[in-house]
Protein backbone atom coordinates (compact mmCIF):
# COMPACT_ATOMS: atom_id res chain seq x y z
CA MET A 1 -57.26 -46.52 45.78
CA ILE A 2 -55.89 -45.11 42.64
CA THR A 3 -55.48 -41.30 42.52
CA GLU A 4 -56.86 -38.71 39.91
CA GLU A 5 -52.68 -38.27 38.69
CA ARG A 6 -52.42 -42.03 38.71
CA THR A 7 -55.26 -42.12 36.59
CA VAL A 8 -54.35 -39.70 33.87
CA MET A 9 -50.26 -41.34 33.93
CA LEU A 10 -51.62 -44.62 32.99
CA TRP A 11 -54.18 -43.42 30.39
CA ALA A 12 -51.01 -41.91 29.55
CA GLY A 13 -49.15 -44.54 29.22
CA ALA A 14 -51.41 -46.68 27.49
CA ALA A 15 -52.03 -44.00 24.93
CA ALA A 16 -48.02 -43.60 24.14
CA THR A 17 -48.18 -47.10 23.88
CA VAL A 18 -51.04 -47.79 21.49
CA LEU A 19 -49.12 -45.09 19.43
CA LEU A 20 -45.83 -47.05 19.56
CA THR A 21 -46.96 -49.94 18.04
CA ALA A 22 -49.07 -48.47 15.71
CA LEU A 23 -45.35 -46.61 14.60
CA ALA A 24 -43.46 -49.79 14.66
CA VAL A 25 -46.17 -52.01 12.39
CA PHE A 26 -46.99 -49.14 9.59
CA VAL A 27 -44.08 -46.74 9.93
CA HIS A 28 -40.91 -48.85 11.06
CA PRO A 29 -39.71 -50.20 14.30
CA LEU A 30 -36.82 -48.09 14.03
CA VAL A 31 -38.88 -44.73 14.51
CA ALA A 32 -41.12 -46.36 17.74
CA ALA A 33 -37.57 -47.13 18.94
CA ALA A 34 -36.41 -43.26 18.04
CA LEU A 35 -39.54 -41.69 19.41
CA LEU A 36 -39.32 -43.78 22.51
CA ALA A 37 -35.45 -42.38 23.11
CA LEU A 38 -36.40 -38.94 22.48
CA ALA A 39 -38.95 -39.07 25.37
CA VAL A 40 -36.71 -40.50 27.83
CA ALA A 41 -34.04 -37.94 26.65
CA ALA A 42 -37.01 -35.18 26.29
CA PRO A 43 -37.07 -33.97 30.21
CA PHE A 44 -32.94 -34.13 30.45
CA VAL A 45 -32.44 -32.04 26.76
CA LEU A 46 -35.29 -29.61 28.09
CA ARG A 47 -33.85 -28.85 31.03
CA SER A 48 -30.34 -27.85 29.39
CA VAL A 49 -29.66 -25.42 26.73
CA ASP A 50 -26.46 -26.67 26.31
CA LEU A 51 -27.73 -30.15 25.50
CA ALA A 52 -30.39 -28.60 23.25
CA PHE A 53 -27.46 -27.18 21.45
CA ALA A 54 -25.43 -30.14 21.19
CA ALA A 55 -28.56 -31.87 19.71
CA VAL A 56 -28.65 -29.29 17.14
CA LEU A 57 -25.13 -29.71 16.22
CA GLY A 58 -25.01 -33.31 16.21
CA VAL A 59 -28.20 -33.44 13.78
CA ILE A 60 -26.02 -30.54 11.60
CA THR A 61 -23.41 -32.69 10.86
CA LEU A 62 -23.94 -36.51 11.37
CA LEU A 63 -28.07 -36.52 10.51
CA PRO A 64 -28.36 -33.52 8.32
CA PHE A 65 -31.34 -35.01 6.14
CA ALA A 66 -33.12 -36.82 8.75
CA ALA A 67 -37.13 -36.27 9.10
CA ILE A 68 -39.84 -38.44 10.72
CA PRO A 69 -41.80 -40.23 8.14
CA LEU A 70 -45.34 -39.73 9.01
CA GLY A 71 -46.84 -39.96 5.30
CA ILE A 72 -49.01 -36.66 6.50
CA GLY A 73 -48.10 -34.20 3.47
CA PHE A 74 -44.73 -33.42 4.76
CA ASN A 75 -42.49 -35.15 7.28
CA PRO A 76 -40.77 -32.78 10.02
CA THR A 77 -37.01 -33.03 10.29
CA PHE A 78 -34.70 -33.67 13.03
CA LEU A 79 -32.99 -30.30 12.54
CA ASP A 80 -36.64 -28.53 12.57
CA LEU A 81 -36.96 -30.36 16.05
CA ALA A 82 -33.44 -29.91 17.29
CA MET A 83 -33.77 -26.05 16.51
CA GLY A 84 -37.69 -25.91 17.75
CA VAL A 85 -36.80 -27.19 21.16
CA LEU A 86 -33.50 -24.83 21.17
CA TYR A 87 -35.41 -22.06 20.72
CA LEU A 88 -38.13 -22.78 23.01
CA ILE A 89 -35.74 -23.65 25.87
CA TRP A 90 -34.24 -20.11 25.19
CA ALA A 91 -37.56 -18.30 25.28
CA VAL A 92 -38.69 -20.01 28.58
CA ARG A 93 -34.83 -19.33 29.99
CA LEU A 94 -35.55 -15.34 29.12
CA ALA A 95 -39.22 -15.43 30.36
CA THR A 96 -38.18 -17.07 33.43
CA ARG A 97 -35.81 -14.75 34.18
CA GLU A 98 -33.11 -17.46 34.46
CA GLN A 99 -31.13 -15.45 31.83
CA SER A 100 -31.88 -11.86 33.01
CA THR A 101 -30.45 -10.00 29.66
CA VAL A 102 -30.23 -10.76 26.05
CA ARG A 103 -26.51 -10.74 24.69
CA ILE A 104 -26.30 -8.74 21.71
CA PRO A 105 -22.92 -10.04 19.73
CA PRO A 106 -21.27 -7.70 17.41
CA LEU A 107 -22.50 -7.01 14.13
CA GLY A 108 -25.97 -8.02 15.16
CA THR A 109 -27.75 -4.90 13.71
CA GLY A 110 -26.35 -6.26 10.42
CA ALA A 111 -27.51 -9.93 11.03
CA ALA A 112 -30.76 -8.80 11.75
CA GLY A 113 -31.08 -6.56 8.82
CA PHE A 114 -30.23 -9.51 6.13
CA ILE A 115 -33.11 -11.76 8.06
CA GLY A 116 -35.85 -9.32 7.76
CA LEU A 117 -34.23 -8.63 4.15
CA MET A 118 -34.83 -12.50 3.64
CA LEU A 119 -38.53 -12.10 4.91
CA VAL A 120 -39.18 -9.13 2.61
CA ALA A 121 -37.99 -11.38 -0.30
CA PHE A 122 -39.97 -14.51 0.67
CA VAL A 123 -42.96 -12.08 0.84
CA ALA A 124 -42.33 -10.33 -2.61
CA GLY A 125 -41.55 -13.64 -4.02
CA LEU A 126 -45.38 -14.40 -3.70
CA ALA A 127 -46.04 -12.59 -6.54
CA HIS A 128 -43.69 -14.15 -8.91
CA GLY A 129 -44.87 -17.89 -7.50
CA THR A 130 -46.76 -19.37 -5.17
CA PRO A 131 -43.76 -21.64 -2.60
CA SER A 132 -44.63 -25.04 -2.17
CA LYS A 133 -44.73 -26.74 1.22
CA ASN A 134 -41.48 -28.25 1.62
CA GLN A 135 -40.05 -24.51 0.17
CA ILE A 136 -41.89 -22.71 3.03
CA ARG A 137 -40.36 -25.26 5.08
CA THR A 138 -36.92 -24.62 3.76
CA PHE A 139 -37.26 -20.97 4.08
CA GLY A 140 -38.36 -21.53 7.84
CA GLU A 141 -35.18 -23.89 8.54
CA LEU A 142 -32.92 -21.11 6.64
CA VAL A 143 -34.27 -18.18 9.22
CA LEU A 144 -33.95 -20.35 12.46
CA GLY A 145 -30.53 -21.30 11.21
CA ALA A 146 -29.26 -18.00 10.72
CA GLY A 147 -30.73 -16.94 14.07
CA LEU A 148 -28.68 -19.30 15.40
CA PHE A 149 -25.63 -16.49 15.23
CA PHE A 150 -27.87 -14.64 18.43
CA ILE A 151 -28.53 -18.26 19.76
CA ILE A 152 -24.40 -19.05 19.78
CA ALA A 153 -24.25 -15.43 21.50
CA ASN A 154 -26.06 -15.91 24.54
CA LEU A 155 -24.68 -19.42 25.35
CA ILE A 156 -20.46 -18.07 25.20
CA PHE A 157 -20.17 -16.16 28.01
CA ASP A 158 -16.77 -16.89 29.17
CA ARG A 159 -14.03 -18.68 27.62
CA ALA A 160 -15.15 -22.42 29.12
CA SER A 161 -18.57 -22.12 27.05
CA LEU A 162 -16.17 -21.02 24.01
CA ARG A 163 -14.55 -23.69 24.69
CA ARG A 164 -17.24 -26.30 25.26
CA VAL A 165 -18.86 -24.80 22.03
CA PHE A 166 -15.44 -25.67 20.10
CA LEU A 167 -15.03 -29.02 20.99
CA VAL A 168 -18.62 -30.15 20.16
CA LEU A 169 -18.16 -28.53 17.02
CA VAL A 170 -15.01 -30.08 15.42
CA ALA A 171 -15.46 -33.36 17.47
CA LEU A 172 -18.80 -34.03 15.70
CA GLY A 173 -17.32 -32.85 12.73
CA THR A 174 -13.95 -35.38 13.19
CA ALA A 175 -17.21 -38.04 13.47
CA ALA A 176 -18.76 -37.68 10.25
CA ALA A 177 -15.54 -37.50 8.67
CA ALA A 178 -14.41 -40.82 10.54
CA ILE A 179 -18.19 -42.11 9.21
CA GLY A 180 -17.76 -41.22 6.04
CA LEU A 181 -14.57 -43.10 5.75
CA ALA A 182 -15.39 -46.15 7.05
CA LEU A 183 -18.53 -46.45 5.15
CA TYR A 184 -16.19 -45.34 1.88
CA VAL A 185 -13.83 -48.35 2.13
CA LEU A 186 -16.30 -51.09 2.49
CA PRO A 187 -17.61 -53.08 -0.24
CA ASP A 188 -20.08 -51.29 -2.26
CA GLY A 189 -23.12 -53.95 -1.46
CA LEU A 190 -22.61 -53.23 2.24
CA GLU A 191 -22.39 -49.69 2.12
CA MET A 192 -25.67 -49.97 0.50
CA ARG A 193 -27.23 -51.96 3.13
CA VAL A 194 -25.50 -50.02 6.30
CA LEU A 195 -26.78 -46.59 4.45
CA GLY A 196 -30.42 -48.18 3.70
CA LEU A 197 -30.97 -48.62 7.51
CA LEU A 198 -31.32 -44.53 7.66
CA ARG A 199 -34.70 -44.96 5.44
CA ALA A 200 -36.23 -45.56 9.00
CA VAL A 201 -35.79 -41.75 9.33
CA ASP A 202 -36.35 -40.80 5.75
CA TYR A 203 -33.38 -41.17 4.01
CA PRO A 204 -33.31 -42.42 0.35
CA THR A 205 -32.34 -46.28 -0.52
CA GLY A 206 -30.97 -48.17 -3.37
CA PRO A 207 -28.06 -48.01 -5.91
CA GLY A 208 -28.14 -44.34 -5.89
CA ILE A 209 -27.00 -43.63 -2.48
CA ILE A 210 -24.08 -44.38 -3.80
CA ARG A 211 -22.11 -41.91 -5.73
CA TYR A 212 -19.55 -41.58 -8.40
CA ILE A 213 -18.27 -38.81 -10.85
CA ASN A 214 -20.78 -37.62 -12.76
CA ASP A 215 -22.92 -40.78 -11.73
CA ASP A 216 -20.83 -43.63 -13.59
CA PRO A 217 -19.79 -46.45 -11.99
CA SER A 218 -16.98 -46.75 -13.71
CA ARG A 219 -15.41 -44.00 -12.88
CA LEU A 220 -14.03 -42.66 -9.19
CA GLN A 221 -16.60 -43.10 -6.31
CA ARG A 222 -17.37 -40.23 -4.15
CA ALA A 223 -18.05 -40.06 0.19
CA THR A 224 -21.02 -39.23 1.07
CA GLY A 225 -21.06 -40.51 4.84
CA THR A 226 -24.48 -39.48 5.91
CA ALA A 227 -24.71 -36.12 4.14
CA ILE A 228 -26.22 -37.62 0.87
CA ASP A 229 -24.48 -35.41 -1.20
CA PRO A 230 -20.69 -35.53 -1.81
CA ASN A 231 -20.17 -31.87 -2.44
CA SER A 232 -21.79 -30.63 0.94
CA PHE A 233 -20.43 -32.84 2.63
CA GLY A 234 -17.13 -31.93 1.53
CA GLY A 235 -17.72 -28.56 2.02
CA LEU A 236 -19.10 -28.97 5.72
CA LEU A 237 -15.28 -30.91 6.41
CA ALA A 238 -13.73 -28.37 4.86
CA VAL A 239 -15.31 -25.47 7.14
CA LEU A 240 -14.65 -27.27 10.34
CA GLY A 241 -10.91 -28.53 8.76
CA ALA A 242 -9.81 -25.15 8.53
CA LEU A 243 -11.81 -23.90 12.09
CA LEU A 244 -9.59 -26.46 13.69
CA ALA A 245 -6.82 -25.57 12.01
CA PRO A 246 -4.98 -23.10 13.78
CA GLN A 247 -5.07 -24.82 16.71
CA ILE A 248 -2.22 -27.38 15.30
CA VAL A 249 0.57 -23.95 14.91
CA SER A 250 -0.92 -22.30 18.74
CA ARG A 251 1.05 -21.72 21.40
CA ARG A 252 -1.36 -22.60 23.60
CA PRO A 253 -4.37 -24.30 22.04
CA ILE A 254 -7.74 -25.68 22.55
CA VAL A 255 -6.87 -28.77 21.05
CA PRO A 256 -3.79 -30.26 22.16
CA ARG A 257 -1.62 -29.85 19.09
CA ALA A 258 -1.16 -34.27 18.05
CA LEU A 259 -5.18 -34.20 18.37
CA ALA A 260 -5.80 -31.42 16.48
CA LEU A 261 -3.49 -32.84 13.57
CA ALA A 262 -4.86 -36.00 13.53
CA MET A 263 -8.84 -34.51 13.42
CA VAL A 264 -7.62 -32.36 10.65
CA GLY A 265 -6.21 -35.23 8.78
CA VAL A 266 -8.97 -37.43 9.10
CA MET A 267 -11.26 -34.60 8.39
CA GLY A 268 -9.19 -33.45 5.25
CA VAL A 269 -8.79 -37.24 3.97
CA ALA A 270 -12.61 -37.38 3.87
CA VAL A 271 -12.64 -34.00 1.78
CA LEU A 272 -10.54 -35.70 -1.03
CA ALA A 273 -12.45 -38.89 -0.91
CA THR A 274 -15.63 -37.07 -2.04
CA VAL A 275 -13.85 -35.93 -5.36
CA SER A 276 -15.52 -32.18 -4.57
CA ARG A 277 -13.20 -29.83 -6.39
CA GLY A 278 -14.65 -26.86 -5.07
CA SER A 279 -14.56 -28.18 -1.28
CA MET A 280 -10.70 -28.99 -1.95
CA LEU A 281 -9.57 -26.06 -3.12
CA ALA A 282 -11.84 -24.01 -0.43
CA LEU A 283 -9.90 -26.32 2.48
CA GLY A 284 -6.92 -25.34 0.43
CA VAL A 285 -7.39 -22.06 0.51
CA GLY A 286 -8.29 -21.88 4.27
CA LEU A 287 -5.26 -23.57 4.85
CA ILE A 288 -3.11 -20.80 3.16
CA VAL A 289 -5.07 -18.51 5.03
CA VAL A 290 -3.57 -20.18 8.35
CA GLY A 291 -0.23 -20.31 6.94
CA LEU A 292 0.28 -16.94 5.87
CA ALA A 293 -1.26 -15.78 9.49
CA ARG A 294 0.74 -18.58 11.81
CA ASP A 295 4.07 -19.53 9.53
CA ARG A 296 4.94 -18.76 5.80
CA ARG A 297 7.54 -21.71 6.08
CA LEU A 298 5.01 -24.16 6.95
CA LEU A 299 2.89 -22.67 4.35
CA PHE A 300 5.90 -23.05 1.75
CA ALA A 301 6.67 -26.71 2.76
CA ALA A 302 2.87 -27.79 2.18
CA LEU A 303 2.98 -26.08 -1.02
CA VAL A 304 6.29 -27.94 -2.31
CA GLY A 305 5.00 -31.15 -0.49
CA GLY A 306 1.03 -30.64 -2.73
CA ALA A 307 3.14 -30.55 -5.86
CA LEU A 308 5.03 -33.33 -5.46
CA LEU A 309 2.58 -35.58 -4.53
CA LEU A 310 0.41 -34.36 -7.25
CA ALA A 311 2.89 -34.93 -9.69
CA VAL A 312 3.52 -38.94 -8.08
CA ALA A 313 -0.13 -39.19 -8.51
CA ARG A 314 0.16 -39.55 -12.47
CA PHE A 315 1.72 -42.90 -11.95
CA THR A 316 -0.56 -44.67 -10.36
CA PRO A 317 -3.99 -45.85 -11.53
CA TRP A 318 -6.57 -44.68 -8.69
CA THR A 319 -4.32 -41.30 -8.32
CA SER A 320 -4.07 -40.68 -12.00
CA ALA A 321 -7.68 -40.64 -12.62
CA TYR A 322 -8.37 -38.24 -9.14
CA VAL A 323 -5.79 -36.10 -10.72
CA ALA A 324 -7.30 -36.22 -14.19
CA ASN A 325 -10.65 -34.72 -12.87
CA LEU A 326 -9.20 -32.10 -11.46
CA THR A 327 -7.82 -30.85 -14.63
CA ASP A 328 -10.90 -31.38 -16.35
CA GLY A 329 -12.61 -29.44 -13.89
CA LEU A 330 -10.06 -26.61 -14.24
CA LEU A 331 -10.23 -26.30 -18.09
CA ALA A 332 -14.01 -26.96 -18.02
CA GLN A 333 -13.58 -30.45 -20.31
CA ASP A 334 -15.87 -32.36 -18.03
CA ARG A 335 -19.93 -32.70 -18.23
CA SER A 336 -20.55 -31.46 -14.88
CA THR A 337 -18.18 -28.20 -15.26
CA GLN A 338 -19.82 -27.55 -18.69
CA MET A 339 -23.43 -27.98 -16.71
CA ARG A 340 -22.17 -25.20 -14.43
CA LEU A 341 -21.63 -23.02 -17.14
CA GLY A 342 -24.94 -23.20 -18.41
CA GLU A 343 -26.49 -22.98 -15.08
CA TYR A 344 -24.91 -19.77 -15.06
CA LYS A 345 -25.86 -18.47 -17.77
CA ASP A 346 -29.27 -18.92 -17.38
CA ALA A 347 -29.09 -17.98 -13.32
CA ILE A 348 -27.61 -14.11 -15.22
CA GLU A 349 -30.73 -14.31 -17.41
CA LEU A 350 -32.78 -14.29 -13.93
CA ILE A 351 -31.19 -12.07 -12.41
CA THR A 352 -31.39 -9.58 -15.50
CA ARG A 353 -35.30 -9.97 -15.55
CA TYR A 354 -35.50 -9.51 -11.77
CA PRO A 355 -32.38 -7.53 -10.39
CA LEU A 356 -34.06 -5.59 -7.01
CA LEU A 357 -35.03 -8.84 -5.36
CA GLY A 358 -35.14 -11.82 -6.87
CA VAL A 359 -37.92 -14.24 -7.22
CA GLY A 360 -38.22 -15.18 -3.73
CA PHE A 361 -37.88 -18.72 -2.17
CA GLY A 362 -40.61 -20.43 -4.36
CA GLY A 363 -40.97 -21.34 -8.08
CA VAL A 364 -40.57 -18.90 -11.33
CA ARG A 365 -44.00 -18.67 -13.07
CA ASP A 366 -41.94 -17.80 -16.47
CA ILE A 367 -41.68 -20.93 -18.37
CA ASP A 368 -38.66 -20.35 -19.82
CA LEU A 369 -36.37 -19.47 -16.58
CA TYR A 370 -35.41 -21.72 -12.97
CA ARG A 371 -34.41 -20.83 -9.59
CA GLY A 372 -31.13 -22.87 -9.47
CA VAL A 373 -27.63 -22.63 -10.04
CA SER A 374 -24.21 -24.32 -8.53
CA SER A 375 -23.34 -21.15 -6.88
CA LEU A 376 -23.61 -19.26 -3.70
CA TYR A 377 -23.82 -15.59 -4.78
CA LEU A 378 -25.59 -16.17 -7.90
CA ILE A 379 -28.59 -18.10 -5.86
CA ILE A 380 -28.87 -15.36 -3.46
CA ALA A 381 -28.86 -13.26 -6.17
CA GLU A 382 -31.58 -15.02 -7.98
CA THR A 383 -33.61 -15.64 -4.55
CA MET A 384 -33.16 -11.93 -3.15
CA GLY A 385 -32.02 -10.25 -5.75
CA LEU A 386 -29.05 -7.83 -5.74
CA VAL A 387 -30.26 -6.14 -2.83
CA GLY A 388 -29.81 -9.17 -1.10
CA LEU A 389 -26.81 -10.33 -2.55
CA ALA A 390 -24.87 -7.09 -1.53
CA ALA A 391 -26.41 -7.54 2.19
CA PHE A 392 -24.72 -11.01 2.24
CA VAL A 393 -21.63 -9.71 0.96
CA LEU A 394 -21.30 -6.91 3.02
CA PHE A 395 -22.04 -8.46 6.19
CA MET A 396 -19.33 -11.50 4.99
CA ALA A 397 -16.78 -8.79 4.57
CA ALA A 398 -17.77 -6.77 7.62
CA ALA A 399 -17.60 -10.03 9.65
CA THR A 400 -14.58 -11.01 8.63
CA LEU A 401 -12.62 -7.59 8.80
CA ARG A 402 -13.93 -7.39 12.71
CA LEU A 403 -12.52 -10.91 12.94
CA LEU A 404 -8.89 -10.09 11.56
CA LEU A 405 -8.60 -6.01 13.59
CA ALA A 406 -9.48 -8.59 16.94
CA TRP A 407 -7.22 -11.38 16.02
CA TRP A 408 -4.16 -8.53 15.32
CA THR A 409 -4.51 -7.25 18.82
CA MET A 410 -5.08 -10.48 20.17
CA PRO A 411 -2.95 -11.96 22.87
CA PRO A 412 -0.94 -15.53 21.30
CA ASP A 413 -3.52 -17.85 23.44
CA GLY A 414 -5.98 -20.08 22.47
CA LEU A 415 -8.71 -17.19 21.98
CA ARG A 416 -6.79 -15.90 19.26
CA ALA A 417 -6.56 -19.35 17.63
CA VAL A 418 -10.10 -19.75 17.53
CA VAL A 419 -10.74 -16.13 15.78
CA LEU A 420 -7.89 -17.14 13.17
CA GLY A 421 -9.93 -20.30 12.60
CA CYS A 422 -13.31 -18.59 12.04
CA ILE A 423 -11.58 -16.29 9.66
CA ALA A 424 -10.26 -19.56 7.79
CA ALA A 425 -13.20 -20.95 7.93
CA LEU A 426 -15.15 -18.11 6.19
CA ALA A 427 -12.74 -18.23 3.68
CA VAL A 428 -13.45 -22.15 2.89
CA ALA A 429 -16.78 -20.71 2.76
CA ALA A 430 -16.41 -17.88 0.20
CA VAL A 431 -14.41 -19.72 -1.80
CA GLY A 432 -16.73 -23.27 -1.87
CA GLY A 433 -19.55 -20.85 -2.68
CA ILE A 434 -18.18 -20.06 -6.05
CA PHE A 435 -18.72 -23.76 -7.13
CA ASP A 436 -22.15 -24.78 -5.14
CA HIS A 437 -24.91 -23.34 -3.68
CA TYR A 438 -25.53 -25.48 -0.23
CA PHE A 439 -24.51 -22.83 2.21
CA PHE A 440 -27.55 -20.83 0.88
CA THR A 441 -30.02 -23.86 0.41
CA TYR A 442 -29.60 -26.45 2.56
CA PRO A 443 -30.54 -25.68 5.82
CA HIS A 444 -28.08 -27.73 7.85
CA ALA A 445 -25.24 -26.00 5.92
CA PHE A 446 -26.76 -22.22 5.82
CA ALA A 447 -26.86 -23.06 9.87
CA LEU A 448 -23.29 -24.32 10.10
CA LEU A 449 -22.00 -20.38 8.51
CA TRP A 450 -23.82 -18.64 11.10
CA LEU A 451 -22.72 -20.69 13.48
CA ILE A 452 -19.20 -20.12 12.16
CA LEU A 453 -20.26 -16.49 12.29
CA GLY A 454 -21.56 -16.81 15.58
CA LEU A 455 -18.64 -18.53 17.49
CA GLY A 456 -16.50 -15.83 16.16
CA MET A 457 -18.12 -12.50 16.97
CA GLY A 458 -18.74 -14.58 20.77
CA ALA A 459 -14.74 -14.81 20.84
CA VAL A 460 -14.69 -11.12 19.83
CA ARG A 461 -17.08 -9.94 22.37
CA LEU A 462 -15.02 -12.11 25.20
CA SER A 463 -11.22 -10.26 23.96
CA GLU A 464 -12.69 -7.13 23.92
CA GLY A 465 -14.19 -7.23 27.29
CA GLU A 466 -11.35 -8.69 28.78
CA GLU A 467 -9.17 -5.77 27.26
CA ARG A 468 -11.94 -3.48 29.05
CA THR A 469 -11.70 -5.03 32.52
CA GLY A 470 -7.61 -5.44 31.92
CA SER A 471 -7.46 -9.03 32.46
């Protein structure tokens, strides 16, 4: 006799079969396959906050723009789903007393204040223009991304948990770099076909997915990996490369030195392949921070070696074009740099007109203005005003100072190397933000920035706790 529970299961199975078949026929077979895989994995992910967090990191590094193409006016992104599941699990853990207390990281009040200021700027911005559905969703993703600062603080409760988070993050960064380089060396036609497979998760298709300098196929190709945009791809790898770099010179590294050197090398080469001048400069600054902190002789040797490579590079065709592109950018002689200068001028005009809280996260009603500029600091000032910019800069400065003070007093071990890596990664973000906006406008990049901050504050809290217990 069929029980009531079995009847429900049969109906649920039939409904799921119809739904998956409809998705396979009317949307794409890969979407149906992906949902089936998610359904199989869900019971395991929903039982483990660590797996859910790893899924968030995987989306940030490997599929930052993936979405489910439902065609219902908006497409929920993988980042939405992954962060939603992570927050849900954390809430359930608190409600069921599986986690008895909420751990507030150092500078938690400042982080909460900045998130609150984002909400104020969003509401105030409604007077200047109504945000679109995508802008509202992006704002929600930014808030959730900043909230990861607190999530990671509650995932890191000892050295083993910090080590797990660190290893997953740098391993995924290396995987993203390797994928980017593998795609970069493929013939254009094959690369286009491989990237075209991502159309099943709402990625763009066609010739435009292969990027060149100034979108000119006669010039150097730019690596994008699965990040669509070469600049944000370069920025992500530069941050993670700087985070990992101190492991190479640490006395007691978390990652073996030879492996860390290879991983940083892969990420460094991928950054070069993006031809993102801002990311390359930012990564250089991050490595300089590590060199100044650990061994100035290595820093001097690296600078001399870099100068020699640039000198030799002028005598081969590919590298000569590469160096010429860098030189044109420094001298503001190429089209993209001149366009940036024009954006800066327009941004200053908008900020002058709306100095206090900016224009919010939507559009601008003034027909002679627009919200958008290739600078982290100017886009924050446009969106949240000078108040928001000041809050962001002060928080970043306070976090860097807290990390520096902790690094100075810590014993030379793997934890100290993680703190130095966070300092170098924040230096990369600060310098890269001068030249581009993705650390505030791309939710996955914004989330990565707050993850680095949370990782650093987690290491600081562990160090301070060990000092108090005398261990």
